[in-house]
């Protein structure tokens, strides 16, 4: 392929990727606003790693991973695993792609593997936080 053909293809690819990133950011802000029960313009987003972001607003935090279609909340995953309502869960960032979640007398650590939140360890820890 001649260089003259490669440059437009490269530029078109960059534009498509930047549009996708912009759309996924807008989707994240909307998703986080609903999850945090906070106005969309009061939600602050920050990247942790590629396709992994932290959202905060109205005194709450949540962490998300993008699967190519939607943003997946670590607190939603933990709510299922721990049989605990999301509004009773709190999280703390443990690293660039890991989050500790506690609530309902339990706690668990989650790591981002590909486009999912996966519980790190066989079972959630029961009892008081250390």
N, C-alpha and C. Protein backbone atom coordinates (compact mmCIF):
# COMPACT_ATOMS: atom_id res chain seq x y z
N UNK A 1 0.85 -1.17 0.00
CA UNK A 1 0.00 0.00 0.00
C UNK A 1 0.90 1.24 0.00
N UNK A 2 0.57 2.19 -0.85
CA UNK A 2 1.35 3.42 -0.92
C UNK A 2 1.10 4.29 0.28
N UNK A 3 2.10 5.12 0.62
CA UNK A 3 2.00 6.01 1.76
C UNK A 3 0.79 6.94 1.64
N UNK A 4 0.47 7.38 0.43
CA UNK A 4 -0.66 8.28 0.22
C UNK A 4 -1.97 7.64 0.68
N UNK A 5 -2.08 6.34 0.56
CA UNK A 5 -3.29 5.64 1.00
C UNK A 5 -3.27 5.35 2.49
N UNK A 6 -2.09 5.17 3.06
CA UNK A 6 -1.96 4.84 4.48
C UNK A 6 -2.33 6.01 5.38
N UNK A 7 -1.93 7.22 5.01
CA UNK A 7 -2.17 8.38 5.85
C UNK A 7 -3.67 8.61 6.07
N UNK A 8 -4.52 8.65 5.02
CA UNK A 8 -5.96 8.84 5.26
C UNK A 8 -6.56 7.71 6.11
N UNK A 9 -6.10 6.47 5.87
CA UNK A 9 -6.60 5.34 6.65
C UNK A 9 -6.22 5.51 8.12
N UNK A 10 -4.98 5.93 8.38
CA UNK A 10 -4.50 6.15 9.75
C UNK A 10 -5.31 7.25 10.43
N UNK A 11 -5.53 8.35 9.72
CA UNK A 11 -6.30 9.47 10.27
C UNK A 11 -7.75 9.04 10.54
N UNK A 12 -8.34 8.30 9.63
CA UNK A 12 -9.71 7.82 9.82
C UNK A 12 -9.80 6.89 11.02
N UNK A 13 -8.79 6.04 11.19
CA UNK A 13 -8.76 5.13 12.34
C UNK A 13 -8.66 5.92 13.64
N UNK A 14 -7.80 6.93 13.68
CA UNK A 14 -7.67 7.76 14.89
C UNK A 14 -8.98 8.49 15.20
N UNK A 15 -9.63 9.01 14.19
CA UNK A 15 -10.90 9.70 14.40
C UNK A 15 -11.96 8.75 14.94
N UNK A 16 -12.02 7.54 14.40
CA UNK A 16 -12.99 6.55 14.86
C UNK A 16 -12.74 6.18 16.32
N UNK A 17 -11.48 5.98 16.67
CA UNK A 17 -11.13 5.62 18.05
C UNK A 17 -11.44 6.76 19.01
N UNK A 18 -11.15 7.99 18.60
CA UNK A 18 -11.42 9.11 19.49
C UNK A 18 -12.93 9.31 19.67
N UNK A 19 -13.70 9.06 18.63
CA UNK A 19 -15.16 9.15 18.74
C UNK A 19 -15.68 8.09 19.68
N UNK A 20 -15.16 6.85 19.56
CA UNK A 20 -15.56 5.77 20.44
C UNK A 20 -15.23 6.12 21.89
N UNK A 21 -14.04 6.65 22.12
CA UNK A 21 -13.64 7.03 23.48
C UNK A 21 -14.57 8.11 24.02
N UNK A 22 -14.91 9.07 23.21
CA UNK A 22 -15.81 10.13 23.64
C UNK A 22 -17.19 9.60 23.96
N UNK A 23 -17.69 8.69 23.14
CA UNK A 23 -19.00 8.10 23.39
C UNK A 23 -18.99 7.27 24.65
N UNK A 24 -17.93 6.48 24.87
CA UNK A 24 -17.89 5.65 26.06
C UNK A 24 -17.76 6.52 27.31
N UNK A 25 -17.07 7.67 27.22
CA UNK A 25 -16.97 8.59 28.35
C UNK A 25 -18.31 9.20 28.69
N UNK A 26 -19.07 9.55 27.68
CA UNK A 26 -20.41 10.10 27.89
C UNK A 26 -21.32 9.04 28.52
N UNK A 27 -21.20 7.81 28.04
CA UNK A 27 -21.98 6.71 28.59
C UNK A 27 -21.59 6.46 30.04
N UNK A 28 -20.30 6.54 30.35
CA UNK A 28 -19.85 6.34 31.73
C UNK A 28 -20.41 7.42 32.64
N UNK A 29 -20.38 8.66 32.22
CA UNK A 29 -20.90 9.75 33.05
C UNK A 29 -22.40 9.54 33.33
N UNK A 30 -23.14 9.12 32.34
CA UNK A 30 -24.57 8.86 32.50
C UNK A 30 -24.80 7.67 33.44
N UNK A 31 -24.04 6.60 33.24
CA UNK A 31 -24.16 5.41 34.09
C UNK A 31 -23.80 5.74 35.53
N UNK A 32 -22.68 6.43 35.72
CA UNK A 32 -22.22 6.78 37.06
C UNK A 32 -23.21 7.71 37.76
N UNK A 33 -23.78 8.66 37.03
CA UNK A 33 -24.76 9.58 37.63
C UNK A 33 -25.94 8.80 38.18
N UNK A 34 -26.40 7.82 37.43
CA UNK A 34 -27.53 7.00 37.90
C UNK A 34 -27.11 6.16 39.11
N UNK A 35 -25.94 5.53 39.04
CA UNK A 35 -25.47 4.69 40.14
C UNK A 35 -25.20 5.49 41.40
N UNK A 36 -24.62 6.67 41.25
CA UNK A 36 -24.28 7.49 42.41
C UNK A 36 -25.45 8.33 42.90
N UNK A 37 -26.55 8.29 42.15
CA UNK A 37 -27.73 9.11 42.44
C UNK A 37 -27.31 10.57 42.58
N UNK A 38 -26.67 11.04 41.52
CA UNK A 38 -26.03 12.35 41.52
C UNK A 38 -26.28 13.01 40.16
N UNK A 39 -26.44 14.33 40.10
CA UNK A 39 -26.58 14.98 38.80
C UNK A 39 -25.37 14.70 37.90
N UNK A 40 -25.63 14.51 36.63
CA UNK A 40 -24.59 14.17 35.66
C UNK A 40 -23.42 15.15 35.69
N UNK A 41 -23.70 16.44 35.81
CA UNK A 41 -22.63 17.44 35.79
C UNK A 41 -21.85 17.51 37.10
N UNK A 42 -22.31 16.80 38.14
CA UNK A 42 -21.59 16.76 39.42
C UNK A 42 -20.69 15.52 39.53
N UNK A 43 -20.70 14.67 38.50
CA UNK A 43 -19.89 13.45 38.50
C UNK A 43 -18.51 13.73 37.94
N UNK A 44 -17.49 13.32 38.67
CA UNK A 44 -16.10 13.46 38.25
C UNK A 44 -15.57 12.09 37.85
N UNK A 45 -14.90 12.02 36.69
CA UNK A 45 -14.35 10.77 36.19
C UNK A 45 -12.83 10.84 36.13
N UNK A 46 -12.18 9.73 36.45
CA UNK A 46 -10.73 9.66 36.26
C UNK A 46 -10.35 8.24 35.86
N UNK A 47 -9.42 8.16 34.92
CA UNK A 47 -8.96 6.87 34.42
C UNK A 47 -8.02 6.22 35.42
N UNK A 48 -8.17 4.91 35.58
CA UNK A 48 -7.25 4.13 36.42
C UNK A 48 -6.27 3.40 35.52
N UNK A 49 -6.79 2.76 34.52
CA UNK A 49 -6.04 2.01 33.51
C UNK A 49 -6.90 2.04 32.26
N UNK A 50 -6.39 1.47 31.18
CA UNK A 50 -7.17 1.45 29.95
C UNK A 50 -8.52 0.76 30.19
N UNK A 51 -9.59 1.45 29.86
CA UNK A 51 -10.96 0.96 30.00
C UNK A 51 -11.36 0.71 31.45
N UNK A 52 -10.68 1.30 32.40
CA UNK A 52 -11.03 1.20 33.81
C UNK A 52 -11.03 2.61 34.38
N UNK A 53 -12.16 3.01 34.99
CA UNK A 53 -12.30 4.37 35.48
C UNK A 53 -12.93 4.41 36.86
N UNK A 54 -12.67 5.52 37.53
CA UNK A 54 -13.25 5.81 38.84
C UNK A 54 -14.23 6.96 38.64
N UNK A 55 -15.38 6.86 39.27
CA UNK A 55 -16.36 7.95 39.22
C UNK A 55 -16.66 8.37 40.65
N UNK A 56 -16.78 9.66 40.86
CA UNK A 56 -17.15 10.16 42.18
C UNK A 56 -18.08 11.35 42.02
N UNK A 57 -18.92 11.51 43.02
CA UNK A 57 -19.84 12.62 43.03
C UNK A 57 -20.84 12.49 44.16
N UNK A 58 -21.25 13.61 44.70
CA UNK A 58 -22.23 13.65 45.78
C UNK A 58 -21.79 12.80 46.97
N UNK A 59 -20.48 12.78 47.24
CA UNK A 59 -19.93 12.06 48.39
C UNK A 59 -19.84 10.56 48.21
N UNK A 60 -20.01 10.06 46.98
CA UNK A 60 -19.96 8.62 46.73
C UNK A 60 -18.90 8.32 45.67
N UNK A 61 -18.45 7.05 45.62
CA UNK A 61 -17.49 6.60 44.61
C UNK A 61 -17.94 5.26 44.05
N UNK A 62 -17.52 5.02 42.81
CA UNK A 62 -17.72 3.71 42.19
C UNK A 62 -16.62 3.54 41.14
N UNK A 63 -16.37 2.29 40.78
CA UNK A 63 -15.32 1.96 39.83
C UNK A 63 -15.93 1.14 38.72
N UNK A 64 -15.44 1.35 37.49
CA UNK A 64 -16.05 0.75 36.32
C UNK A 64 -15.00 0.18 35.37
N UNK A 65 -15.41 -0.86 34.65
CA UNK A 65 -14.62 -1.39 33.55
C UNK A 65 -15.53 -1.42 32.32
N UNK A 66 -14.96 -1.11 31.16
CA UNK A 66 -15.73 -1.04 29.92
C UNK A 66 -15.57 -2.34 29.15
N UNK A 67 -16.67 -2.98 28.79
CA UNK A 67 -16.61 -4.26 28.07
C UNK A 67 -16.80 -4.11 26.56
N UNK A 68 -16.78 -2.89 26.08
CA UNK A 68 -16.98 -2.64 24.65
C UNK A 68 -18.40 -2.21 24.32
N UNK A 69 -19.33 -2.47 25.23
CA UNK A 69 -20.72 -2.09 25.03
C UNK A 69 -21.25 -1.24 26.18
N UNK A 70 -20.83 -1.58 27.40
CA UNK A 70 -21.35 -0.88 28.58
C UNK A 70 -20.28 -0.83 29.66
N UNK A 71 -20.49 0.06 30.63
CA UNK A 71 -19.60 0.18 31.79
C UNK A 71 -20.15 -0.70 32.90
N UNK A 72 -19.28 -1.53 33.49
CA UNK A 72 -19.68 -2.48 34.52
C UNK A 72 -19.13 -2.00 35.85
N UNK A 73 -20.00 -1.88 36.84
CA UNK A 73 -19.66 -1.37 38.16
C UNK A 73 -19.16 -2.50 39.07
N UNK A 74 -18.06 -2.23 39.78
CA UNK A 74 -17.56 -3.21 40.75
C UNK A 74 -18.54 -3.37 41.91
N UNK A 75 -19.24 -2.30 42.27
CA UNK A 75 -20.19 -2.41 43.37
C UNK A 75 -21.40 -3.26 42.99
N UNK A 76 -21.83 -3.21 41.74
CA UNK A 76 -22.91 -4.08 41.29
C UNK A 76 -22.47 -5.54 41.36
N UNK A 77 -21.25 -5.81 40.93
CA UNK A 77 -20.72 -7.18 40.98
C UNK A 77 -20.62 -7.64 42.44
N UNK A 78 -20.09 -6.80 43.31
CA UNK A 78 -19.94 -7.15 44.72
C UNK A 78 -21.31 -7.35 45.38
N UNK A 79 -22.29 -6.56 45.00
CA UNK A 79 -23.64 -6.70 45.55
C UNK A 79 -24.17 -8.10 45.31
N UNK A 80 -23.94 -8.62 44.13
CA UNK A 80 -24.36 -9.97 43.79
C UNK A 80 -23.57 -11.00 44.60
N UNK A 81 -22.24 -10.87 44.59
CA UNK A 81 -21.38 -11.84 45.26
C UNK A 81 -21.60 -11.88 46.77
N UNK A 82 -21.79 -10.72 47.38
CA UNK A 82 -21.91 -10.62 48.83
C UNK A 82 -23.35 -10.64 49.33
N UNK A 83 -24.31 -10.72 48.41
CA UNK A 83 -25.74 -10.67 48.76
C UNK A 83 -26.01 -9.47 49.67
N UNK A 84 -25.55 -8.32 49.20
CA UNK A 84 -25.64 -7.09 49.98
C UNK A 84 -26.09 -5.96 49.05
N UNK A 85 -27.06 -5.15 49.44
CA UNK A 85 -27.50 -4.05 48.58
C UNK A 85 -26.36 -3.07 48.29
N UNK A 86 -26.34 -2.55 47.08
CA UNK A 86 -25.28 -1.63 46.65
C UNK A 86 -25.16 -0.44 47.59
N UNK A 87 -26.29 0.08 48.08
CA UNK A 87 -26.22 1.26 48.94
C UNK A 87 -25.60 0.99 50.31
N UNK A 88 -25.35 -0.28 50.63
CA UNK A 88 -24.68 -0.64 51.88
C UNK A 88 -23.21 -0.99 51.67
N UNK A 89 -22.73 -0.87 50.44
CA UNK A 89 -21.34 -1.21 50.12
C UNK A 89 -20.49 0.05 50.02
N UNK A 90 -19.24 -0.09 50.44
CA UNK A 90 -18.25 0.97 50.24
C UNK A 90 -17.02 0.34 49.60
N UNK A 91 -16.31 1.16 48.88
CA UNK A 91 -15.12 0.65 48.20
C UNK A 91 -13.90 1.51 48.50
N UNK A 92 -12.75 0.90 48.33
CA UNK A 92 -11.48 1.60 48.46
C UNK A 92 -10.55 1.08 47.37
N UNK A 93 -9.86 2.00 46.74
CA UNK A 93 -8.95 1.62 45.67
C UNK A 93 -7.71 0.96 46.27
N UNK A 94 -7.41 -0.24 45.82
CA UNK A 94 -6.25 -0.99 46.32
C UNK A 94 -5.05 -0.88 45.39
N UNK A 95 -5.30 -0.55 44.15
CA UNK A 95 -4.24 -0.44 43.15
C UNK A 95 -4.83 0.05 41.85
N UNK A 96 -4.03 0.03 40.79
CA UNK A 96 -4.49 0.57 39.50
C UNK A 96 -5.68 -0.18 38.94
N UNK A 97 -5.81 -1.45 39.23
CA UNK A 97 -6.92 -2.21 38.69
C UNK A 97 -7.53 -3.12 39.75
N UNK A 98 -7.51 -2.67 41.00
CA UNK A 98 -8.12 -3.47 42.06
C UNK A 98 -8.84 -2.57 43.06
N UNK A 99 -9.95 -3.10 43.57
CA UNK A 99 -10.81 -2.36 44.48
C UNK A 99 -11.24 -3.30 45.61
N UNK A 100 -11.16 -2.81 46.84
CA UNK A 100 -11.70 -3.54 47.98
C UNK A 100 -13.10 -3.06 48.27
N UNK A 101 -14.00 -3.98 48.51
CA UNK A 101 -15.41 -3.64 48.77
C UNK A 101 -15.81 -4.27 50.10
N UNK A 102 -16.51 -3.49 50.93
CA UNK A 102 -17.01 -4.04 52.19
C UNK A 102 -18.44 -3.59 52.42
N UNK A 103 -19.18 -4.44 53.14
CA UNK A 103 -20.56 -4.15 53.49
C UNK A 103 -21.25 -5.39 54.00
N UNK A 104 -22.29 -5.22 54.79
CA UNK A 104 -23.07 -6.33 55.34
C UNK A 104 -22.19 -7.33 56.10
N UNK A 105 -21.16 -6.82 56.80
CA UNK A 105 -20.28 -7.68 57.58
C UNK A 105 -19.32 -8.53 56.76
N UNK A 106 -19.15 -8.18 55.49
CA UNK A 106 -18.27 -8.95 54.61
C UNK A 106 -17.35 -8.00 53.86
N UNK A 107 -16.32 -8.57 53.28
CA UNK A 107 -15.48 -7.76 52.41
C UNK A 107 -14.85 -8.68 51.35
N UNK A 108 -14.48 -8.06 50.25
CA UNK A 108 -13.88 -8.80 49.14
C UNK A 108 -13.01 -7.85 48.34
N UNK A 109 -12.02 -8.41 47.70
CA UNK A 109 -11.16 -7.64 46.80
C UNK A 109 -11.49 -8.06 45.37
N UNK A 110 -11.53 -7.07 44.49
CA UNK A 110 -11.83 -7.31 43.08
C UNK A 110 -10.69 -6.79 42.22
N UNK A 111 -10.38 -7.53 41.18
CA UNK A 111 -9.38 -7.10 40.21
C UNK A 111 -10.03 -7.07 38.84
N UNK A 112 -9.53 -6.17 38.02
CA UNK A 112 -10.02 -6.11 36.64
C UNK A 112 -9.23 -7.11 35.83
N UNK A 113 -9.93 -8.06 35.25
CA UNK A 113 -9.31 -9.01 34.33
C UNK A 113 -10.05 -8.86 33.01
N UNK A 114 -9.31 -8.42 32.02
CA UNK A 114 -9.88 -8.09 30.71
C UNK A 114 -10.99 -7.06 30.92
N UNK A 115 -12.24 -7.42 30.64
CA UNK A 115 -13.33 -6.45 30.77
C UNK A 115 -14.33 -6.88 31.83
N UNK A 116 -13.82 -7.46 32.92
CA UNK A 116 -14.68 -7.90 34.00
C UNK A 116 -14.04 -7.60 35.35
N UNK A 117 -14.87 -7.48 36.38
CA UNK A 117 -14.41 -7.42 37.76
C UNK A 117 -14.50 -8.83 38.29
N UNK A 118 -13.38 -9.35 38.80
CA UNK A 118 -13.31 -10.71 39.30
C UNK A 118 -12.87 -10.66 40.76
N UNK A 119 -13.57 -11.42 41.59
CA UNK A 119 -13.21 -11.46 43.01
C UNK A 119 -11.85 -12.12 43.17
N UNK A 120 -10.97 -11.45 43.90
CA UNK A 120 -9.61 -11.92 44.11
C UNK A 120 -9.59 -12.78 45.37
N UNK A 121 -9.58 -14.09 45.22
CA UNK A 121 -9.62 -15.01 46.35
C UNK A 121 -10.82 -15.91 46.24
N UNK A 122 -10.79 -17.02 46.95
CA UNK A 122 -11.86 -18.01 46.85
C UNK A 122 -13.18 -17.51 47.42
N UNK A 123 -13.14 -16.86 48.57
CA UNK A 123 -14.37 -16.41 49.22
C UNK A 123 -14.17 -15.03 49.80
N UNK A 124 -15.27 -14.32 49.99
CA UNK A 124 -15.20 -13.02 50.65
C UNK A 124 -14.85 -13.23 52.11
N UNK A 125 -14.13 -12.28 52.71
CA UNK A 125 -13.80 -12.33 54.13
C UNK A 125 -15.04 -11.94 54.93
N UNK A 126 -15.35 -12.68 55.96
CA UNK A 126 -16.49 -12.34 56.81
C UNK A 126 -15.97 -11.68 58.08
N UNK A 127 -16.75 -10.73 58.60
CA UNK A 127 -16.38 -10.12 59.86
C UNK A 127 -15.93 -8.70 59.70
N UNK A 128 -15.35 -8.16 60.74
CA UNK A 128 -14.90 -6.77 60.80
C UNK A 128 -13.76 -6.50 59.83
N UNK A 129 -13.71 -5.29 59.34
CA UNK A 129 -12.56 -4.87 58.53
C UNK A 129 -11.36 -4.75 59.44
N UNK A 130 -10.22 -5.14 58.91
CA UNK A 130 -8.99 -5.06 59.72
C UNK A 130 -8.34 -3.74 59.60
